[in-house]
């Protein structure tokens, strides 16, 4: 576990302290649980541009060498 500093607004600090006292846990435990719950419910966002370019080709991976050759990146013979 790593230590970090978190700045809380006064009203949020009071709410965390009250929950810690109510549940007989430390503030750190309450905050870890809250962060874990929040982050586990969020859907990961797709990176910008992902899926934005559809070549219409479905077998590019199988034809990688051929495609590279067409683009001028053919492997030099040894």
N, C-alpha and C. Protein backbone atom coordinates (compact mmCIF):
# COMPACT_ATOMS: atom_id res chain seq x y z
N UNK A 1 0.85 -1.17 0.00
CA UNK A 1 0.00 0.00 0.00
C UNK A 1 0.89 1.23 0.00
N UNK A 2 0.45 2.26 -0.73
CA UNK A 2 1.23 3.49 -0.80
C UNK A 2 0.49 4.61 -0.08
N UNK A 3 1.26 5.51 0.48
CA UNK A 3 0.68 6.63 1.20
C UNK A 3 0.51 7.80 0.23
N UNK A 4 -0.60 8.52 0.40
CA UNK A 4 -0.85 9.70 -0.43
C UNK A 4 -1.53 10.76 0.41
N UNK A 5 -1.55 11.97 -0.08
CA UNK A 5 -2.21 13.08 0.61
C UNK A 5 -3.46 13.45 -0.16
N UNK A 6 -4.54 13.65 0.56
CA UNK A 6 -5.81 13.99 -0.06
C UNK A 6 -6.36 15.22 0.66
N UNK A 7 -6.70 16.23 -0.11
CA UNK A 7 -7.28 17.45 0.46
C UNK A 7 -8.79 17.37 0.35
N UNK A 8 -9.48 17.49 1.49
CA UNK A 8 -10.94 17.40 1.52
C UNK A 8 -11.55 18.73 1.91
N UNK A 9 -12.68 19.03 1.31
CA UNK A 9 -13.44 20.19 1.74
C UNK A 9 -13.97 19.88 3.14
N UNK A 10 -14.15 20.89 3.98
CA UNK A 10 -14.56 20.64 5.37
C UNK A 10 -15.82 19.79 5.51
N UNK A 11 -16.84 20.04 4.69
CA UNK A 11 -18.07 19.25 4.83
C UNK A 11 -17.84 17.79 4.46
N UNK A 12 -17.00 17.53 3.47
CA UNK A 12 -16.69 16.16 3.07
C UNK A 12 -15.88 15.46 4.15
N UNK A 13 -14.96 16.19 4.77
CA UNK A 13 -14.17 15.61 5.86
C UNK A 13 -15.08 15.19 7.02
N UNK A 14 -16.06 16.01 7.33
CA UNK A 14 -17.01 15.68 8.42
C UNK A 14 -17.78 14.42 8.06
N UNK A 15 -18.24 14.32 6.81
CA UNK A 15 -19.00 13.14 6.41
C UNK A 15 -18.16 11.87 6.49
N UNK A 16 -16.89 11.97 6.09
CA UNK A 16 -16.00 10.80 6.15
C UNK A 16 -15.75 10.42 7.60
N UNK A 17 -15.50 11.41 8.45
CA UNK A 17 -15.27 11.12 9.87
C UNK A 17 -16.49 10.48 10.51
N UNK A 18 -17.67 10.99 10.19
CA UNK A 18 -18.89 10.42 10.76
C UNK A 18 -19.08 8.97 10.31
N UNK A 19 -18.81 8.69 9.03
CA UNK A 19 -18.94 7.31 8.54
C UNK A 19 -17.90 6.41 9.21
N UNK A 20 -16.70 6.92 9.39
CA UNK A 20 -15.65 6.13 10.05
C UNK A 20 -16.06 5.79 11.48
N UNK A 21 -16.61 6.78 12.20
CA UNK A 21 -17.06 6.53 13.58
C UNK A 21 -18.24 5.57 13.59
N UNK A 22 -19.20 5.78 12.69
CA UNK A 22 -20.39 4.93 12.64
C UNK A 22 -20.04 3.48 12.36
N UNK A 23 -19.06 3.26 11.49
CA UNK A 23 -18.72 1.89 11.09
C UNK A 23 -17.50 1.33 11.82
N UNK A 24 -16.99 2.08 12.79
CA UNK A 24 -15.82 1.65 13.57
C UNK A 24 -14.63 1.30 12.68
N UNK A 25 -14.39 2.15 11.70
CA UNK A 25 -13.24 1.98 10.82
C UNK A 25 -12.46 3.28 10.77
N UNK A 26 -11.28 3.21 10.20
CA UNK A 26 -10.49 4.43 10.04
C UNK A 26 -10.99 5.22 8.84
N UNK A 27 -10.65 6.49 8.82
CA UNK A 27 -11.01 7.32 7.66
C UNK A 27 -10.37 6.75 6.39
N UNK A 28 -9.16 6.26 6.51
CA UNK A 28 -8.47 5.71 5.34
C UNK A 28 -9.25 4.52 4.76
N UNK A 29 -9.76 3.67 5.64
CA UNK A 29 -10.54 2.51 5.16
C UNK A 29 -11.81 2.97 4.45
N UNK A 30 -12.48 3.96 5.02
CA UNK A 30 -13.71 4.48 4.42
C UNK A 30 -13.41 5.07 3.05
N UNK A 31 -12.35 5.84 2.95
CA UNK A 31 -11.99 6.46 1.68
C UNK A 31 -11.57 5.42 0.64
N UNK A 32 -10.81 4.41 1.05
CA UNK A 32 -10.42 3.34 0.11
C UNK A 32 -11.63 2.63 -0.43
N UNK A 33 -12.57 2.31 0.47
CA UNK A 33 -13.79 1.62 0.03
C UNK A 33 -14.60 2.50 -0.93
N UNK A 34 -14.72 3.77 -0.59
CA UNK A 34 -15.49 4.69 -1.44
C UNK A 34 -14.85 4.82 -2.82
N UNK A 35 -13.54 4.95 -2.86
CA UNK A 35 -12.85 5.06 -4.15
C UNK A 35 -12.98 3.78 -4.95
N UNK A 36 -12.81 2.64 -4.28
CA UNK A 36 -12.92 1.35 -4.97
C UNK A 36 -14.32 1.18 -5.56
N UNK A 37 -15.34 1.50 -4.78
CA UNK A 37 -16.72 1.37 -5.25
C UNK A 37 -16.98 2.31 -6.43
N UNK A 38 -16.57 3.54 -6.30
CA UNK A 38 -16.77 4.54 -7.37
C UNK A 38 -16.07 4.12 -8.65
N UNK A 39 -14.81 3.73 -8.54
CA UNK A 39 -14.03 3.40 -9.73
C UNK A 39 -14.47 2.09 -10.37
N UNK A 40 -14.98 1.16 -9.59
CA UNK A 40 -15.41 -0.11 -10.17
C UNK A 40 -16.73 0.00 -10.91
N UNK A 41 -17.49 1.05 -10.66
CA UNK A 41 -18.77 1.22 -11.34
C UNK A 41 -18.66 2.08 -12.59
N UNK A 42 -17.56 2.73 -12.79
CA UNK A 42 -17.38 3.57 -13.98
C UNK A 42 -16.95 2.72 -15.16
N UNK A 43 -17.50 3.00 -16.31
CA UNK A 43 -17.11 2.30 -17.52
C UNK A 43 -15.87 2.97 -18.08
N UNK A 44 -14.88 2.19 -18.48
CA UNK A 44 -13.69 2.79 -19.08
C UNK A 44 -14.06 3.47 -20.39
N UNK A 45 -13.51 4.64 -20.61
CA UNK A 45 -13.79 5.37 -21.84
C UNK A 45 -12.90 4.85 -22.96
N UNK A 46 -13.46 4.83 -24.14
CA UNK A 46 -12.69 4.44 -25.32
C UNK A 46 -11.76 5.59 -25.66
N UNK A 47 -10.50 5.30 -25.97
CA UNK A 47 -9.56 6.36 -26.32
C UNK A 47 -10.07 7.17 -27.52
N UNK A 48 -9.78 8.46 -27.55
CA UNK A 48 -10.21 9.29 -28.68
C UNK A 48 -9.71 8.71 -30.00
N UNK A 49 -10.58 8.66 -30.97
CA UNK A 49 -10.20 8.16 -32.29
C UNK A 49 -10.37 6.67 -32.47
N UNK A 50 -10.56 5.93 -31.38
CA UNK A 50 -10.71 4.48 -31.49
C UNK A 50 -11.97 4.17 -32.29
N UNK A 51 -11.83 3.37 -33.30
CA UNK A 51 -12.96 3.00 -34.14
C UNK A 51 -13.34 4.06 -35.14
N UNK A 52 -12.60 5.14 -35.19
CA UNK A 52 -12.92 6.24 -36.09
C UNK A 52 -12.47 6.00 -37.51
N UNK A 53 -11.68 4.99 -37.73
CA UNK A 53 -11.13 4.75 -39.06
C UNK A 53 -11.41 3.31 -39.45
N UNK A 54 -12.35 3.13 -40.32
CA UNK A 54 -12.72 1.79 -40.77
C UNK A 54 -12.30 1.62 -42.21
N UNK A 55 -11.32 0.78 -42.44
CA UNK A 55 -10.82 0.56 -43.79
C UNK A 55 -11.74 -0.33 -44.60
N UNK A 56 -12.64 -1.00 -43.91
CA UNK A 56 -13.51 -1.93 -44.60
C UNK A 56 -12.88 -3.31 -44.76
N UNK A 57 -11.59 -3.40 -44.49
CA UNK A 57 -10.88 -4.68 -44.58
C UNK A 57 -11.09 -5.45 -43.28
N UNK A 58 -11.24 -6.76 -43.40
CA UNK A 58 -11.45 -7.57 -42.20
C UNK A 58 -10.31 -8.55 -41.95
N UNK A 59 -9.35 -8.63 -42.88
CA UNK A 59 -8.27 -9.60 -42.73
C UNK A 59 -6.90 -8.95 -42.78
N UNK A 60 -6.81 -7.72 -42.30
CA UNK A 60 -5.53 -6.99 -42.35
C UNK A 60 -4.45 -7.72 -41.58
N UNK A 61 -4.77 -8.27 -40.41
CA UNK A 61 -3.76 -8.95 -39.60
C UNK A 61 -3.20 -10.16 -40.34
N UNK A 62 -4.07 -10.90 -41.01
CA UNK A 62 -3.61 -12.08 -41.75
C UNK A 62 -2.78 -11.70 -42.97
N UNK A 63 -3.02 -10.50 -43.50
CA UNK A 63 -2.32 -10.04 -44.71
C UNK A 63 -1.25 -9.00 -44.38
N UNK A 64 -0.77 -8.97 -43.16
CA UNK A 64 0.14 -7.91 -42.72
C UNK A 64 1.33 -7.72 -43.65
N UNK A 65 2.00 -8.78 -44.02
CA UNK A 65 3.18 -8.66 -44.88
C UNK A 65 2.80 -8.08 -46.24
N UNK A 66 1.70 -8.53 -46.79
CA UNK A 66 1.23 -8.03 -48.08
C UNK A 66 0.89 -6.54 -48.00
N UNK A 67 0.17 -6.15 -46.95
CA UNK A 67 -0.21 -4.75 -46.77
C UNK A 67 1.03 -3.88 -46.61
N UNK A 68 1.99 -4.31 -45.80
CA UNK A 68 3.23 -3.54 -45.63
C UNK A 68 3.97 -3.40 -46.95
N UNK A 69 3.98 -4.45 -47.74
CA UNK A 69 4.62 -4.39 -49.05
C UNK A 69 3.94 -3.38 -49.95
N UNK A 70 2.61 -3.35 -49.95
CA UNK A 70 1.85 -2.39 -50.77
C UNK A 70 2.14 -0.96 -50.34
N UNK A 71 2.44 -0.75 -49.06
CA UNK A 71 2.74 0.58 -48.56
C UNK A 71 4.21 0.96 -48.70
N UNK A 72 5.01 0.06 -49.26
CA UNK A 72 6.43 0.35 -49.45
C UNK A 72 7.30 -0.02 -48.27
N UNK A 73 6.79 -0.85 -47.39
CA UNK A 73 7.58 -1.26 -46.23
C UNK A 73 7.91 -2.74 -46.28
N UNK A 74 8.09 -3.24 -47.47
CA UNK A 74 8.42 -4.66 -47.61
C UNK A 74 9.76 -4.95 -46.97
N UNK A 75 9.87 -6.13 -46.39
CA UNK A 75 11.12 -6.53 -45.75
C UNK A 75 12.17 -6.80 -46.82
N UNK A 76 13.34 -6.26 -46.62
CA UNK A 76 14.44 -6.46 -47.56
C UNK A 76 14.90 -7.91 -47.51
N UNK A 77 15.16 -8.54 -48.67
CA UNK A 77 15.69 -9.91 -48.65
C UNK A 77 17.07 -9.94 -48.01
N UNK A 78 17.36 -11.01 -47.32
CA UNK A 78 18.66 -11.13 -46.62
C UNK A 78 19.64 -11.88 -47.42
